[in-house]
PDB file of N, CA and C in Angstrom:
ATOM      1  N   UNK A   1       7.748 -14.419 -20.112  1.00  0.00           N
ATOM      2  CA  UNK A   1       7.301 -14.266 -18.853  1.00  0.00           C
ATOM      3  C   UNK A   1       7.349 -13.534 -17.665  1.00  0.00           C
ATOM      4  N   UNK A   2       6.422 -13.792 -16.685  1.00  0.00           N
ATOM      5  CA  UNK A   2       6.395 -13.038 -16.092  1.00  0.00           C
ATOM      6  C   UNK A   2       6.913 -13.303 -14.551  1.00  0.00           C
ATOM      7  N   UNK A   3       7.129 -11.964 -14.053  1.00  0.00           N
ATOM      8  CA  UNK A   3       7.806 -12.048 -12.643  1.00  0.00           C
ATOM      9  C   UNK A   3       6.938 -12.474 -11.388  1.00  0.00           C
ATOM     10  N   UNK A   4       7.851 -13.295 -11.013  1.00  0.00           N
ATOM     11  CA  UNK A   4       6.953 -13.989  -9.615  1.00  0.00           C
ATOM     12  C   UNK A   4       6.991 -12.863  -8.798  1.00  0.00           C
ATOM     13  N   UNK A   5       6.141 -13.186  -8.007  1.00  0.00           N
ATOM     14  CA  UNK A   5       5.331 -12.122  -6.803  1.00  0.00           C
ATOM     15  C   UNK A   5       6.024 -12.395  -6.240  1.00  0.00           C
ATOM     16  N   UNK A   6       6.357 -11.078  -5.739  1.00  0.00           N
ATOM     17  CA  UNK A   6       6.939 -10.478  -5.330  1.00  0.00           C
ATOM     18  C   UNK A   6       6.748  -8.777  -4.195  1.00  0.00           C
ATOM     19  N   UNK A   7       7.094  -8.443  -3.391  1.00  0.00           N
ATOM     20  CA  UNK A   7       6.718  -7.415  -3.337  1.00  0.00           C
ATOM     21  C   UNK A   7       6.950  -6.220  -3.359  1.00  0.00           C
ATOM     22  N   UNK A   8       6.031  -5.678  -4.197  1.00  0.00           N
ATOM     23  CA  UNK A   8       6.641  -4.299  -4.957  1.00  0.00           C
ATOM     24  C   UNK A   8       6.497  -2.519  -4.998  1.00  0.00           C
ATOM     25  N   UNK A   9       7.610  -2.084  -5.016  1.00  0.00           N
ATOM     26  CA  UNK A   9       6.618  -0.025  -4.635  1.00  0.00           C
ATOM     27  C   UNK A   9       5.412  -0.112  -5.850  1.00  0.00           C
ATOM     28  N   UNK A  10       3.819   0.487  -5.179  1.00  0.00           N
ATOM     29  CA  UNK A  10       3.540   0.500  -6.050  1.00  0.00           C
ATOM     30  C   UNK A  10       3.345   1.725  -5.814  1.00  0.00           C
ATOM     31  N   UNK A  11       1.872   2.662  -6.698  1.00  0.00           N
ATOM     32  CA  UNK A  11       0.813   3.811  -6.459  1.00  0.00           C
ATOM     33  C   UNK A  11       0.089   3.852  -5.919  1.00  0.00           C
ATOM     34  N   UNK A  12      -0.667   4.422  -5.193  1.00  0.00           N
ATOM     35  CA  UNK A  12      -2.137   4.423  -4.683  1.00  0.00           C
ATOM     36  C   UNK A  12      -3.074   5.197  -6.014  1.00  0.00           C
ATOM     37  N   UNK A  13      -3.762   4.844  -6.549  1.00  0.00           N
ATOM     38  CA  UNK A  13      -4.640   6.151  -7.238  1.00  0.00           C
ATOM     39  C   UNK A  13      -5.658   7.056  -6.472  1.00  0.00           C
ATOM     40  N   UNK A  14      -6.111   7.639  -7.685  1.00  0.00           N
ATOM     41  CA  UNK A  14      -6.837   8.558  -7.126  1.00  0.00           C
ATOM     42  C   UNK A  14      -5.318  10.397  -7.372  1.00  0.00           C
ATOM     43  N   UNK A  15      -5.056  11.825  -6.711  1.00  0.00           N
ATOM     44  CA  UNK A  15      -4.291  12.362  -7.103  1.00  0.00           C
ATOM     45  C   UNK A  15      -3.249  12.790  -6.148  1.00  0.00           C
ATOM     46  N   UNK A  16      -2.286  12.664  -6.705  1.00  0.00           N
ATOM     47  CA  UNK A  16      -1.238  12.415  -5.734  1.00  0.00           C
ATOM     48  C   UNK A  16      -0.775  13.572  -5.466  1.00  0.00           C
ATOM     49  N   UNK A  17      -0.760  14.594  -6.532  1.00  0.00           N
ATOM     50  CA  UNK A  17      -0.331  16.231  -5.765  1.00  0.00           C
ATOM     51  C   UNK A  17      -1.058  16.025  -4.555  1.00  0.00           C
ATOM     52  N   UNK A  18      -2.362  15.697  -4.192  1.00  0.00           N
ATOM     53  CA  UNK A  18      -3.692  15.698  -3.213  1.00  0.00           C
ATOM     54  C   UNK A  18      -2.846  14.933  -2.117  1.00  0.00           C
ATOM     55  N   UNK A  19      -2.758  14.008  -2.576  1.00  0.00           N
ATOM     56  CA  UNK A  19      -1.919  12.970  -1.223  1.00  0.00           C
ATOM     57  C   UNK A  19      -0.530  13.675  -1.194  1.00  0.00           C
ATOM     58  N   UNK A  20       0.523  14.374  -2.154  1.00  0.00           N
ATOM     59  CA  UNK A  20       1.250  15.069  -1.557  1.00  0.00           C
ATOM     60  C   UNK A  20       1.130  15.851  -0.637  1.00  0.00           C
ATOM     61  N   UNK A  21      -0.043  17.063  -0.341  1.00  0.00           N
ATOM     62  CA  UNK A  21       0.165  17.799  -0.067  1.00  0.00           C
ATOM     63  C   UNK A  21      -0.517  17.616   1.231  1.00  0.00           C
ATOM     64  N   UNK A  22      -1.644  16.252   1.617  1.00  0.00           N
ATOM     65  CA  UNK A  22      -2.288  16.373   2.410  1.00  0.00           C
ATOM     66  C   UNK A  22      -1.378  15.798   3.438  1.00  0.00           C
ATOM     67  N   UNK A  23       0.267  14.811   2.668  1.00  0.00           N
ATOM     68  CA  UNK A  23       0.932  14.448   3.434  1.00  0.00           C
ATOM     69  C   UNK A  23       1.948  15.254   4.514  1.00  0.00           C
ATOM     70  N   UNK A  24       1.870  16.621   3.407  1.00  0.00           N
ATOM     71  CA  UNK A  24       2.981  17.715   3.546  1.00  0.00           C
ATOM     72  C   UNK A  24       2.364  18.380   5.225  1.00  0.00           C
ATOM     73  N   UNK A  25       0.669  18.256   5.241  1.00  0.00           N
ATOM     74  CA  UNK A  25       0.059  19.610   6.294  1.00  0.00           C
ATOM     75  C   UNK A  25       0.352  18.241   7.484  1.00  0.00           C
ATOM     76  N   UNK A  26       1.053  16.690   7.288  1.00  0.00           N
ATOM     77  CA  UNK A  26       0.202  15.913   8.688  1.00  0.00           C
ATOM     78  C   UNK A  26       1.774  15.930   8.983  1.00  0.00           C
ATOM     79  N   UNK A  27       3.125  16.190   7.894  1.00  0.00           N
ATOM     80  CA  UNK A  27       4.251  16.795   8.478  1.00  0.00           C
ATOM     81  C   UNK A  27       4.591  17.938   9.198  1.00  0.00           C
ATOM     82  N   UNK A  28       3.973  19.066   9.125  1.00  0.00           N
ATOM     83  CA  UNK A  28       3.770  19.696   9.783  1.00  0.00           C
ATOM     84  C   UNK A  28       2.987  20.176  11.254  1.00  0.00           C
ATOM     85  N   UNK A  29       1.963  18.777  11.651  1.00  0.00           N
ATOM     86  CA  UNK A  29       1.639  18.280  12.562  1.00  0.00           C
ATOM     87  C   UNK A  29       2.436  17.728  13.899  1.00  0.00           C
ATOM     88  N   UNK A  30       3.784  17.973  13.211  1.00  0.00           N
ATOM     89  CA  UNK A  30       4.497  17.102  14.401  1.00  0.00           C
ATOM     90  C   UNK A  30       5.954  18.301  14.676  1.00  0.00           C
ATOM     91  N   UNK A  31       5.398  19.560  14.278  1.00  0.00           N
ATOM     92  CA  UNK A  31       6.443  20.692  14.410  1.00  0.00           C
ATOM     93  C   UNK A  31       5.560  21.580  15.640  1.00  0.00           C
ATOM     94  N   UNK A  32       5.419  21.919  16.451  1.00  0.00           N
ATOM     95  CA  UNK A  32       5.096  22.499  17.511  1.00  0.00           C
ATOM     96  C   UNK A  32       3.431  24.182  16.534  1.00  0.00           C
ATOM     97  N   UNK A  33       2.451  24.161  16.842  1.00  0.00           N
ATOM     98  CA  UNK A  33       1.674  25.001  16.546  1.00  0.00           C
ATOM     99  C   UNK A  33       0.865  26.039  17.520  1.00  0.00           C
ATOM    100  N   UNK A  34       0.453  26.635  16.465  1.00  0.00           N
ATOM    101  CA  UNK A  34      -0.591  27.218  17.400  1.00  0.00           C
ATOM    102  C   UNK A  34      -1.724  26.534  17.427  1.00  0.00           C
ATOM    103  N   UNK A  35      -2.479  27.358  18.354  1.00  0.00           N
ATOM    104  CA  UNK A  35      -3.415  26.159  18.175  1.00  0.00           C
ATOM    105  C   UNK A  35      -4.994  26.866  17.427  1.00  0.00           C
ATOM    106  N   UNK A  36      -4.615  27.478  16.508  1.00  0.00           N
ATOM    107  CA  UNK A  36      -5.731  27.467  15.115  1.00  0.00           C
ATOM    108  C   UNK A  36      -5.123  26.959  14.550  1.00  0.00           C
ATOM    109  N   UNK A  37      -4.135  25.926  13.576  1.00  0.00           N
ATOM    110  CA  UNK A  37      -3.538  24.626  12.755  1.00  0.00           C
ATOM    111  C   UNK A  37      -4.179  23.947  12.753  1.00  0.00           C
ATOM    112  N   UNK A  38      -3.583  23.592  14.806  1.00  0.00           N
ATOM    113  CA  UNK A  38      -3.944  21.954  14.807  1.00  0.00           C
ATOM    114  C   UNK A  38      -5.330  21.301  14.594  1.00  0.00           C
ATOM    115  N   UNK A  39      -6.380  21.915  14.718  1.00  0.00           N
ATOM    116  CA  UNK A  39      -7.488  21.157  13.894  1.00  0.00           C
ATOM    117  C   UNK A  39      -7.226  21.302  12.099  1.00  0.00           C
ATOM    118  N   UNK A  40      -6.850  22.348  12.116  1.00  0.00           N
ATOM    119  CA  UNK A  40      -7.026  21.915  10.149  1.00  0.00           C
ATOM    120  C   UNK A  40      -6.371  20.834   9.785  1.00  0.00           C
ATOM    121  N   UNK A  41      -5.213  20.682  10.486  1.00  0.00           N
ATOM    122  CA  UNK A  41      -3.950  19.754  10.108  1.00  0.00           C
ATOM    123  C   UNK A  41      -4.357  18.002  10.358  1.00  0.00           C
ATOM    124  N   UNK A  42      -5.468  18.170  11.899  1.00  0.00           N
ATOM    125  CA  UNK A  42      -6.262  17.177  12.352  1.00  0.00           C
ATOM    126  C   UNK A  42      -6.755  16.545  10.640  1.00  0.00           C
ATOM    127  N   UNK A  43      -7.713  17.550  10.046  1.00  0.00           N
ATOM    128  CA  UNK A  43      -8.837  17.637   9.970  1.00  0.00           C
ATOM    129  C   UNK A  43      -8.426  17.316   8.158  1.00  0.00           C
ATOM    130  N   UNK A  44      -7.801  17.369   7.855  1.00  0.00           N
ATOM    131  CA  UNK A  44      -6.843  16.902   6.679  1.00  0.00           C
ATOM    132  C   UNK A  44      -6.380  15.798   6.720  1.00  0.00           C
ATOM    133  N   UNK A  45      -5.513  15.659   8.135  1.00  0.00           N
ATOM    134  CA  UNK A  45      -5.216  13.273   8.118  1.00  0.00           C
ATOM    135  C   UNK A  45      -6.345  12.863   8.224  1.00  0.00           C
ATOM    136  N   UNK A  46      -7.361  12.993   8.665  1.00  0.00           N
ATOM    137  CA  UNK A  46      -8.789  12.581   8.603  1.00  0.00           C
ATOM    138  C   UNK A  46      -8.993  12.159   7.144  1.00  0.00           C
ATOM    139  N   UNK A  47      -9.104  13.595   6.367  1.00  0.00           N
ATOM    140  CA  UNK A  47      -9.423  13.218   5.074  1.00  0.00           C
ATOM    141  C   UNK A  47      -8.980  12.412   4.323  1.00  0.00           C
ATOM    142  N   UNK A  48      -7.181  12.631   4.337  1.00  0.00           N
ATOM    143  CA  UNK A  48      -6.023  11.746   3.794  1.00  0.00           C
ATOM    144  C   UNK A  48      -6.357  10.082   4.227  1.00  0.00           C
ATOM    145  N   UNK A  49      -7.500   9.879   5.116  1.00  0.00           N
ATOM    146  CA  UNK A  49      -7.288   8.715   5.741  1.00  0.00           C
ATOM    147  C   UNK A  49      -8.251   8.050   4.880  1.00  0.00           C
ATOM    148  N   UNK A  50      -9.126   8.521   5.247  1.00  0.00           N
ATOM    149  CA  UNK A  50     -10.598   8.860   4.459  1.00  0.00           C
ATOM    150  C   UNK A  50     -10.120   8.391   2.907  1.00  0.00           C
ATOM    151  N   UNK A  51      -9.606   9.036   2.496  1.00  0.00           N
ATOM    152  CA  UNK A  51      -9.422   8.690   0.749  1.00  0.00           C
ATOM    153  C   UNK A  51      -8.573   7.270   0.221  1.00  0.00           C
ATOM    154  N   UNK A  52      -7.412   7.598   1.453  1.00  0.00           N
ATOM    155  CA  UNK A  52      -6.899   5.575   1.003  1.00  0.00           C
ATOM    156  C   UNK A  52      -7.709   4.936   1.522  1.00  0.00           C
ATOM    157  N   UNK A  53      -8.825   5.042   2.718  1.00  0.00           N
ATOM    158  CA  UNK A  53      -9.532   3.615   2.446  1.00  0.00           C
ATOM    159  C   UNK A  53     -10.526   4.020   1.865  1.00  0.00           C
ATOM    160  N   UNK A  54     -11.006   4.382   0.702  1.00  0.00           N
ATOM    161  CA  UNK A  54     -11.708   4.556  -0.416  1.00  0.00           C
ATOM    162  C   UNK A  54     -11.218   3.724  -1.219  1.00  0.00           C
ATOM    163  N   UNK A  55      -9.866   3.049  -1.745  1.00  0.00           N
ATOM    164  CA  UNK A  55      -9.129   2.286  -2.572  1.00  0.00           C
ATOM    165  C   UNK A  55      -8.508   1.592  -2.408  1.00  0.00           C
ATOM    166  N   UNK A  56      -8.155   0.429  -1.943  1.00  0.00           N
ATOM    167  CA  UNK A  56      -6.957  -0.349  -1.643  1.00  0.00           C
ATOM    168  C   UNK A  56      -5.907  -0.655  -2.606  1.00  0.00           C
ATOM    169  N   UNK A  57      -4.751  -0.082  -1.888  1.00  0.00           N
ATOM    170  CA  UNK A  57      -3.354  -0.144  -2.741  1.00  0.00           C
ATOM    171  C   UNK A  57      -3.045  -1.028  -3.912  1.00  0.00           C
ATOM    172  N   UNK A  58      -3.596  -1.650  -4.771  1.00  0.00           N
ATOM    173  CA  UNK A  58      -3.651  -3.079  -5.613  1.00  0.00           C
ATOM    174  C   UNK A  58      -3.189  -1.910  -6.856  1.00  0.00           C
ATOM    175  N   UNK A  59      -1.943  -2.518  -7.434  1.00  0.00           N
ATOM    176  CA  UNK A  59      -1.661  -2.107  -8.589  1.00  0.00           C
ATOM    177  C   UNK A  59      -2.442  -3.297  -9.363  1.00  0.00           C
ATOM    178  N   UNK A  60      -3.740  -2.810 -10.387  1.00  0.00           N
ATOM    179  CA  UNK A  60      -4.724  -3.508 -10.642  1.00  0.00           C
ATOM    180  C   UNK A  60      -4.408  -4.356 -12.590  1.00  0.00           C
ATOM    181  N   UNK A  61      -3.052  -3.492 -12.552  1.00  0.00           N
ATOM    182  CA  UNK A  61      -2.397  -3.735 -14.369  1.00  0.00           C
ATOM    183  C   UNK A  61      -1.663  -5.192 -14.314  1.00  0.00           C
ATOM    184  N   UNK A  62      -1.342  -5.067 -12.522  1.00  0.00           N
ATOM    185  CA  UNK A  62      -0.346  -6.291 -12.530  1.00  0.00           C
ATOM    186  C   UNK A  62      -0.742  -7.578 -12.500  1.00  0.00           C
ATOM    187  N   UNK A  63      -1.555  -7.786 -11.280  1.00  0.00           N
ATOM    188  CA  UNK A  63      -3.152  -8.018 -10.664  1.00  0.00           C
ATOM    189  C   UNK A  63      -4.128  -8.722 -12.203  1.00  0.00           C
ATOM    190  N   UNK A  64      -4.041  -8.026 -13.426  1.00  0.00           N
ATOM    191  CA  UNK A  64      -4.780  -8.030 -14.509  1.00  0.00           C
ATOM    192  C   UNK A  64      -3.333  -9.600 -15.616  1.00  0.00           C
ATOM    193  N   UNK A  65      -2.327  -8.867 -15.099  1.00  0.00           N
ATOM    194  CA  UNK A  65      -1.046  -9.699 -16.416  1.00  0.00           C
ATOM    195  C   UNK A  65      -0.620 -11.071 -15.743  1.00  0.00           C
ATOM    196  N   UNK A  66      -0.571 -10.525 -14.365  1.00  0.00           N
ATOM    197  CA  UNK A  66      -0.217 -12.416 -13.431  1.00  0.00           C
ATOM    198  C   UNK A  66      -1.611 -13.373 -13.342  1.00  0.00           C
ATOM    199  N   UNK A  67      -2.732 -12.755 -13.855  1.00  0.00           N
ATOM    200  CA  UNK A  67      -3.804 -13.683 -13.879  1.00  0.00           C
ATOM    201  C   UNK A  67      -3.458 -14.574 -15.587  1.00  0.00           C
ATOM    202  N   UNK A  68      -3.570 -13.539 -16.378  1.00  0.00           N
ATOM    203  CA  UNK A  68      -3.111 -13.841 -18.198  1.00  0.00           C
ATOM    204  C   UNK A  68      -2.394 -14.892 -17.599  1.00  0.00           C
ATOM    205  N   UNK A  69      -1.008 -14.378 -16.918  1.00  0.00           N
ATOM    206  CA  UNK A  69       0.316 -15.389 -16.740  1.00  0.00           C
ATOM    207  C   UNK A  69       0.005 -17.063 -17.096  1.00  0.00           C
ATOM    208  N   UNK A  70      -0.723 -16.771 -15.571  1.00  0.00           N
ATOM    209  CA  UNK A  70      -1.805 -17.930 -14.845  1.00  0.00           C
ATOM    210  C   UNK A  70      -2.013 -18.645 -15.755  1.00  0.00           C
ATOM    211  N   UNK A  71      -3.659 -18.216 -16.544  1.00  0.00           N
ATOM    212  CA  UNK A  71      -4.130 -18.843 -17.458  1.00  0.00           C
ATOM    213  C   UNK A  71      -3.729 -19.517 -19.123  1.00  0.00           C
ATOM    214  N   UNK A  72      -2.071 -18.805 -19.286  1.00  0.00           N
ATOM    215  CA  UNK A  72      -1.478 -19.355 -20.547  1.00  0.00           C
ATOM    216  C   UNK A  72      -0.155 -20.147 -20.186  1.00  0.00           C
ATOM    217  N   UNK A  73      -0.177 -20.763 -18.499  1.00  0.00           N
ATOM    218  CA  UNK A  73       0.779 -21.751 -18.207  1.00  0.00           C
ATOM    219  C   UNK A  73       2.222 -20.304 -18.099  1.00  0.00           C
ATOM    220  N   UNK A  74       2.182 -19.358 -18.109  1.00  0.00           N
ATOM    221  CA  UNK A  74       3.505 -18.688 -17.930  1.00  0.00           C
ATOM    222  C   UNK A  74       4.300 -18.077 -16.787  1.00  0.00           C
ATOM    223  N   UNK A  75       3.214 -18.224 -15.905  1.00  0.00           N
ATOM    224  CA  UNK A  75       3.752 -17.824 -14.303  1.00  0.00           C
ATOM    225  C   UNK A  75       3.861 -19.738 -13.562  1.00  0.00           C
ATOM    226  N   UNK A  76       5.126 -18.901 -13.204  1.00  0.00           N
ATOM    227  CA  UNK A  76       6.524 -19.446 -12.772  1.00  0.00           C
ATOM    228  C   UNK A  76       5.825 -19.539 -10.950  1.00  0.00           C
ATOM    229  N   UNK A  77       5.362 -20.975 -11.003  1.00  0.00           N
ATOM    230  CA  UNK A  77       4.553 -21.284  -9.441  1.00  0.00           C
ATOM    231  C   UNK A  77       6.016 -22.225  -8.900  1.00  0.00           C
ATOM    232  N   UNK A  78       6.942 -22.124  -7.723  1.00  0.00           N
ATOM    233  CA  UNK A  78       7.457 -23.169  -6.605  1.00  0.00           C
ATOM    234  C   UNK A  78       7.213 -23.374  -5.697  1.00  0.00           C
ATOM    235  N   UNK A  79       6.409 -24.157  -5.330  1.00  0.00           N
ATOM    236  CA  UNK A  79       5.498 -24.855  -4.265  1.00  0.00           C
ATOM    237  C   UNK A  79       6.812 -23.962  -3.249  1.00  0.00           C
ATOM    238  N   UNK A  80       8.255 -24.742  -2.791  1.00  0.00           N
ATOM    239  CA  UNK A  80       8.853 -24.207  -1.274  1.00  0.00           C
ATOM    240  C   UNK A  80       9.308 -22.530  -1.534  1.00  0.00           C
ATOM    241  N   UNK A  81       9.053 -22.041  -2.870  1.00  0.00           N
ATOM    242  CA  UNK A  81       9.227 -20.558  -2.464  1.00  0.00           C
ATOM    243  C   UNK A  81       7.400 -20.614  -1.965  1.00  0.00           C
ATOM    244  N   UNK A  82       6.778 -20.558  -2.112  1.00  0.00           N
ATOM    245  CA  UNK A  82       5.240 -20.243  -1.416  1.00  0.00           C
ATOM    246  C   UNK A  82       5.568 -20.294  -0.394  1.00  0.00           C
ATOM    247  N   UNK A  83       5.183 -21.748  -0.153  1.00  0.00           N
ATOM    248  CA  UNK A  83       5.534 -22.047   1.501  1.00  0.00           C
ATOM    249  C   UNK A  83       6.954 -21.550   2.242  1.00  0.00           C
ATOM    250  N   UNK A  84       7.840 -21.151   1.747  1.00  0.00           N
ATOM    251  CA  UNK A  84       8.700 -20.142   2.756  1.00  0.00           C
ATOM    252  C   UNK A  84       7.830 -18.830   2.840  1.00  0.00           C
ATOM    253  N   UNK A  85       7.582 -18.467   2.469  1.00  0.00           N
ATOM    254  CA  UNK A  85       6.649 -17.253   2.427  1.00  0.00           C
ATOM    255  C   UNK A  85       5.593 -16.666   2.863  1.00  0.00           C
ATOM    256  N   UNK A  86       4.719 -18.208   3.247  1.00  0.00           N
ATOM    257  CA  UNK A  86       3.794 -18.576   4.088  1.00  0.00           C
ATOM    258  C   UNK A  86       3.827 -18.778   5.855  1.00  0.00           C
ATOM    259  N   UNK A  87       5.064 -19.416   5.631  1.00  0.00           N
ATOM    260  CA  UNK A  87       5.863 -19.246   6.830  1.00  0.00           C
ATOM    261  C   UNK A  87       6.420 -18.101   7.408  1.00  0.00           C
ATOM    262  N   UNK A  88       7.061 -17.563   6.602  1.00  0.00           N
ATOM    263  CA  UNK A  88       7.599 -16.349   6.824  1.00  0.00           C
ATOM    264  C   UNK A  88       6.484 -15.593   7.210  1.00  0.00           C
ATOM    265  N   UNK A  89       5.484 -15.413   6.190  1.00  0.00           N
ATOM    266  CA  UNK A  89       4.412 -14.237   7.383  1.00  0.00           C
ATOM    267  C   UNK A  89       4.086 -14.672   8.863  1.00  0.00           C
ATOM    268  N   UNK A  90       3.883 -15.746   8.300  1.00  0.00           N
ATOM    269  CA  UNK A  90       3.282 -16.223   9.353  1.00  0.00           C
ATOM    270  C   UNK A  90       3.711 -16.079  11.368  1.00  0.00           C
ATOM    271  N   UNK A  91       5.265 -16.661  11.098  1.00  0.00           N
ATOM    272  CA  UNK A  91       5.914 -16.001  11.980  1.00  0.00           C
ATOM    273  C   UNK A  91       6.007 -14.448  12.294  1.00  0.00           C
ATOM    274  N   UNK A  92       5.938 -13.543  10.899  1.00  0.00           N
ATOM    275  CA  UNK A  92       5.838 -12.968  11.052  1.00  0.00           C
ATOM    276  C   UNK A  92       4.486 -11.628  11.781  1.00  0.00           C
ATOM    277  N   UNK A  93       3.176 -12.042  11.913  1.00  0.00           N
ATOM    278  CA  UNK A  93       2.188 -11.871  12.250  1.00  0.00           C
ATOM    279  C   UNK A  93       1.906 -12.927  13.280  1.00  0.00           C
ATOM    280  N   UNK A  94       2.453 -13.729  13.975  1.00  0.00           N
ATOM    281  CA  UNK A  94       2.905 -13.617  15.522  1.00  0.00           C
ATOM    282  C   UNK A  94       3.563 -13.279  15.814  1.00  0.00           C
ATOM    283  N   UNK A  95       4.741 -12.469  15.955  1.00  0.00           N
ATOM    284  CA  UNK A  95       5.356 -11.840  16.606  1.00  0.00           C
ATOM    285  C   UNK A  95       5.645 -10.294  16.225  1.00  0.00           C
ATOM    286  N   UNK A  96       3.933 -10.134  15.580  1.00  0.00           N
ATOM    287  CA  UNK A  96       3.440  -8.671  16.290  1.00  0.00           C
ATOM    288  C   UNK A  96       2.887  -8.283  17.321  1.00  0.00           C
ATOM    289  N   UNK A  97       1.961 -10.011  17.764  1.00  0.00           N
ATOM    290  CA  UNK A  97       0.445 -10.027  18.650  1.00  0.00           C
ATOM    291  C   UNK A  97       1.424  -8.722  19.737  1.00  0.00           C
TER     292      UNK A  97
END
């Protein structure tokens, strides 16, 4: 049986090392820097944002597992849990406005 849907940490597809290098560059932006490094950090941050926007942070293998489990009738569907999470999500969404 497959685990029910829940929030799990995932990974972003693509080169992990490239993302780490760019995140490290973004961290250095918080430190005072001379005017020569500021444009480079800004361009690195923009490049990282563009790279992350290209692919959604979705674990495609997990999605396929869930689809197969639903087709085979092995996915635990609990209407009360679904309703609770929808209500919680709506409260969270309204409170952020």
